[in-house]
Amino acid sequence: TADAAMVNGGNVSIKAAGNIVLGPNSVLDVSSGARVLPDGKIKAGNGGSVTMEAGGDLQLGADLRGYAVGKGGSVTLKAAKVQVGGDADPTALNLDAGFFARGGFANFNVTGDAGVNIADGTVLRPTVISRELSQGYTLQATGSNLEAFSSLQKRDSRVRQVANVSFAANGIRGAKVRLGEGAAILADDKASVSFTAD
């Protein structure tokens, strides 16, 4: 509906047969808005989606944001190779463990054509960070910047939206998704964690 379009985050999709490079301090923001309805209730917008699919290297210097008053956004990343945690691999998309606990995203989909390596000892804690409205939000003018009267909060695990994670290696025959020695993915109850490889 028109109302939904006004409060939900948008969609950003970048696809290339070769490399994708997002420089330091760049931002891709698909965060939601919110609307106060005539009866005083809140129409909470949901986060949008970020998709980046590279046939070659993906260099992710950007800050990705999908915060929402409602449901968190989704992020899909595809590169020739993916390294999660551990020492940086100059031939791979490198993601630190904290990537899965920031940005407000509720769905993380990560694919490495030649494989995904979650380094030894790396601990992932996928978490949705939500945007909470502050007192007095009903007094704000239409079109106001939501960040000015809200804050980012990590809700209690009993009530927050779960963050789902999927890792895939499906571009090259024999490619693997490796969960290293001592590595762990500590997801919330009822969250989905999946591994797929050809």
Protein backbone atom coordinates (compact mmCIF):
# COMPACT_ATOMS: atom_id res chain seq x y z
CA THR A 1 0.00 0.00 0.00
CA ALA A 2 1.00 3.63 -0.24
CA ASP A 3 1.29 3.85 3.54
CA ALA A 4 3.62 0.85 3.66
CA ALA A 5 5.82 2.37 0.97
CA MET A 6 6.27 5.47 3.11
CA VAL A 7 7.54 3.68 6.22
CA ASN A 8 9.32 0.54 5.00
CA GLY A 9 12.98 0.61 4.06
CA GLY A 10 13.94 0.40 0.41
CA ASN A 11 15.98 -2.11 -1.55
CA VAL A 12 19.53 -1.71 -2.83
CA SER A 13 20.86 -4.23 -5.34
CA ILE A 14 24.35 -4.15 -6.85
CA LYS A 15 25.38 -6.97 -9.18
CA ALA A 16 28.49 -7.29 -11.32
CA ALA A 17 30.18 -9.99 -13.38
CA GLY A 18 33.48 -8.68 -12.05
CA ASN A 19 34.43 -6.91 -8.84
CA ILE A 20 32.37 -4.70 -6.53
CA VAL A 21 34.23 -2.17 -4.39
CA LEU A 22 32.56 -0.07 -1.70
CA GLY A 23 35.06 2.35 -0.22
CA PRO A 24 35.66 3.22 3.42
CA ASN A 25 33.06 5.50 5.06
CA SER A 26 30.45 4.75 2.41
CA VAL A 27 26.94 3.90 3.64
CA LEU A 28 24.08 1.78 2.30
CA ASP A 29 21.04 2.52 4.45
CA VAL A 30 17.71 0.69 4.04
CA SER A 31 16.41 1.50 7.51
CA SER A 32 12.70 1.95 8.09
CA GLY A 33 10.57 4.84 9.18
CA ALA A 34 7.38 4.92 11.23
CA ARG A 35 4.05 6.70 11.16
CA VAL A 36 1.66 7.83 13.87
CA LEU A 37 -1.87 6.90 12.78
CA PRO A 38 -4.93 9.05 13.52
CA ASP A 39 -5.87 6.80 16.45
CA GLY A 40 -2.44 7.33 18.00
CA LYS A 41 -1.12 3.88 17.19
CA ILE A 42 2.22 3.37 15.49
CA LYS A 43 2.64 1.93 12.02
CA ALA A 44 6.12 0.46 12.38
CA GLY A 45 8.11 0.20 9.18
CA ASN A 46 10.27 -2.78 8.34
CA GLY A 47 13.86 -2.69 7.20
CA GLY A 48 14.62 -3.12 3.52
CA SER A 49 17.19 -5.29 1.76
CA VAL A 50 20.77 -4.93 0.58
CA THR A 51 22.00 -7.30 -2.13
CA MET A 52 25.56 -7.32 -3.49
CA GLU A 53 26.56 -10.09 -5.85
CA ALA A 54 30.01 -10.07 -7.41
CA GLY A 55 31.35 -12.55 -9.91
CA GLY A 56 34.82 -11.59 -8.66
CA ASP A 57 35.93 -9.84 -5.50
CA LEU A 58 33.61 -7.96 -3.15
CA GLN A 59 35.33 -5.32 -1.04
CA LEU A 60 32.93 -4.19 1.63
CA GLY A 61 34.16 -0.94 3.10
CA ALA A 62 30.62 0.34 3.50
CA ASP A 63 28.50 0.61 6.62
CA LEU A 64 25.32 -1.40 5.98
CA ARG A 65 22.17 -0.36 7.86
CA GLY A 66 18.76 -1.99 7.98
CA TYR A 67 17.46 -0.80 11.35
CA ALA A 68 13.73 -0.83 11.90
CA VAL A 69 10.99 0.02 14.36
CA GLY A 70 9.30 -3.11 13.01
CA LYS A 71 11.16 -6.07 11.52
CA GLY A 72 14.85 -5.89 10.65
CA GLY A 73 16.13 -5.88 7.10
CA SER A 74 17.95 -8.48 5.01
CA VAL A 75 21.46 -8.54 3.58
CA THR A 76 22.69 -10.84 0.80
CA LEU A 77 26.37 -10.97 -0.09
CA LYS A 78 27.99 -13.08 -2.81
CA ALA A 79 31.66 -13.10 -3.73
CA ALA A 80 34.24 -15.42 -5.25
CA LYS A 81 35.41 -16.36 -1.75
CA VAL A 82 34.40 -15.45 1.82
CA GLN A 83 36.44 -15.33 5.01
CA VAL A 84 34.66 -14.82 8.35
CA GLY A 85 36.85 -13.88 11.30
CA GLY A 86 40.52 -14.73 11.68
CA ASP A 87 43.29 -13.13 9.66
CA ALA A 88 42.20 -11.17 6.63
CA ASP A 89 42.44 -13.00 3.31
CA PRO A 90 43.37 -10.57 0.50
CA THR A 91 41.62 -12.82 -2.04
CA ALA A 92 38.28 -12.95 -0.18
CA LEU A 93 35.39 -10.93 1.13
CA ASN A 94 36.40 -10.49 4.76
CA LEU A 95 33.69 -10.24 7.41
CA ASP A 96 34.43 -9.80 11.10
CA ALA A 97 32.37 -11.72 13.66
CA GLY A 98 30.59 -8.54 14.74
CA PHE A 99 29.13 -8.06 11.26
CA PHE A 100 26.31 -10.44 12.19
CA ALA A 101 25.36 -8.44 15.27
CA ARG A 102 25.10 -4.94 13.84
CA GLY A 103 23.17 -3.05 11.21
CA GLY A 104 19.73 -4.15 12.40
CA PHE A 105 19.47 -7.01 9.91
CA ALA A 106 17.34 -10.07 10.62
CA ASN A 107 18.50 -12.17 7.67
CA PHE A 108 22.11 -12.69 6.58
CA ASN A 109 22.74 -14.64 3.37
CA VAL A 110 26.42 -15.13 2.53
CA THR A 111 27.73 -17.03 -0.50
CA GLY A 112 31.27 -17.74 -1.62
CA ASP A 113 31.55 -19.37 -5.04
CA ALA A 114 34.88 -20.97 -4.12
CA GLY A 115 33.97 -21.50 -0.49
CA VAL A 116 33.23 -19.92 2.86
CA ASN A 117 35.70 -20.22 5.73
CA ILE A 118 34.59 -19.39 9.27
CA ALA A 119 37.97 -19.18 10.94
CA ASP A 120 39.08 -21.27 13.89
CA GLY A 121 37.83 -19.88 17.19
CA THR A 122 35.43 -17.41 15.59
CA VAL A 123 32.20 -16.95 17.54
CA LEU A 124 29.18 -15.46 15.76
CA ARG A 125 26.25 -14.08 17.73
CA PRO A 126 23.63 -13.09 15.14
CA THR A 127 21.49 -10.38 16.72
CA VAL A 128 18.84 -7.93 15.55
CA ILE A 129 19.36 -4.38 16.81
CA SER A 130 16.06 -2.47 16.74
CA ARG A 131 15.16 1.19 16.67
CA GLU A 132 13.10 2.30 19.69
CA LEU A 133 11.09 5.52 19.69
CA SER A 134 11.72 7.96 22.51
CA GLN A 135 9.08 9.71 24.60
CA GLY A 136 7.42 12.57 22.79
CA TYR A 137 7.57 10.96 19.36
CA THR A 138 3.90 11.83 18.78
CA LEU A 139 4.83 15.53 18.89
CA GLN A 140 7.29 15.32 16.01
CA ALA A 141 6.48 16.97 12.71
CA THR A 142 5.75 14.86 9.64
CA GLY A 143 8.95 14.04 7.82
CA SER A 144 11.19 14.48 10.86
CA ASN A 145 14.43 12.55 11.03
CA LEU A 146 13.66 9.40 13.02
CA GLU A 147 17.18 9.26 14.41
CA ALA A 148 16.57 12.51 16.28
CA PHE A 149 13.94 10.98 18.60
CA SER A 150 14.86 7.29 18.77
CA SER A 151 17.70 5.06 19.84
CA LEU A 152 19.17 1.72 18.84
CA GLN A 153 18.46 -1.04 21.32
CA LYS A 154 19.32 -4.71 21.77
CA ARG A 155 16.06 -6.14 23.03
CA ASP A 156 15.91 -8.98 25.50
CA SER A 157 16.44 -12.35 23.81
CA ARG A 158 12.96 -13.44 24.94
CA VAL A 159 11.20 -10.77 22.89
CA ARG A 160 13.51 -9.64 20.10
CA GLN A 161 13.22 -10.77 16.51
CA VAL A 162 15.62 -13.61 15.72
CA ALA A 163 18.46 -13.20 13.25
CA ASN A 164 18.73 -15.94 10.63
CA VAL A 165 22.01 -16.82 8.93
CA SER A 166 22.78 -18.88 5.84
CA PHE A 167 26.17 -19.72 4.35
CA ALA A 168 26.53 -21.24 0.89
CA ALA A 169 29.30 -22.39 -1.44
CA ASN A 170 27.70 -23.24 -4.74
CA GLY A 171 29.67 -21.69 -7.57
CA ILE A 172 32.45 -24.25 -7.98
CA ARG A 173 32.10 -28.01 -7.72
CA GLY A 174 33.68 -29.21 -4.49
CA ALA A 175 33.56 -25.82 -2.78
CA LYS A 176 33.00 -26.03 0.96
CA VAL A 177 31.51 -24.13 3.84
CA ARG A 178 33.96 -24.66 6.70
CA LEU A 179 33.15 -24.05 10.37
CA GLY A 180 36.60 -23.94 11.91
CA GLU A 181 37.89 -25.66 15.01
CA GLY A 182 36.44 -24.04 18.10
CA ALA A 183 34.20 -21.79 16.00
CA ALA A 184 30.54 -21.40 16.96
CA ILE A 185 27.32 -19.72 15.86
CA LEU A 186 25.28 -18.77 18.92
CA ALA A 187 21.87 -17.89 17.52
CA ASP A 188 18.70 -17.00 19.41
CA ASP A 189 16.06 -19.65 20.05
CA LYS A 190 14.06 -20.47 16.91
CA ALA A 191 16.58 -18.76 14.63
CA SER A 192 17.61 -20.52 11.42
CA VAL A 193 21.26 -21.34 10.68
CA SER A 194 21.97 -23.13 7.41
CA PHE A 195 24.95 -24.39 5.40
CA THR A 196 24.74 -25.32 1.72
CA ALA A 197 27.48 -26.56 -0.61
CA ASP A 198 27.57 -28.25 -3.99
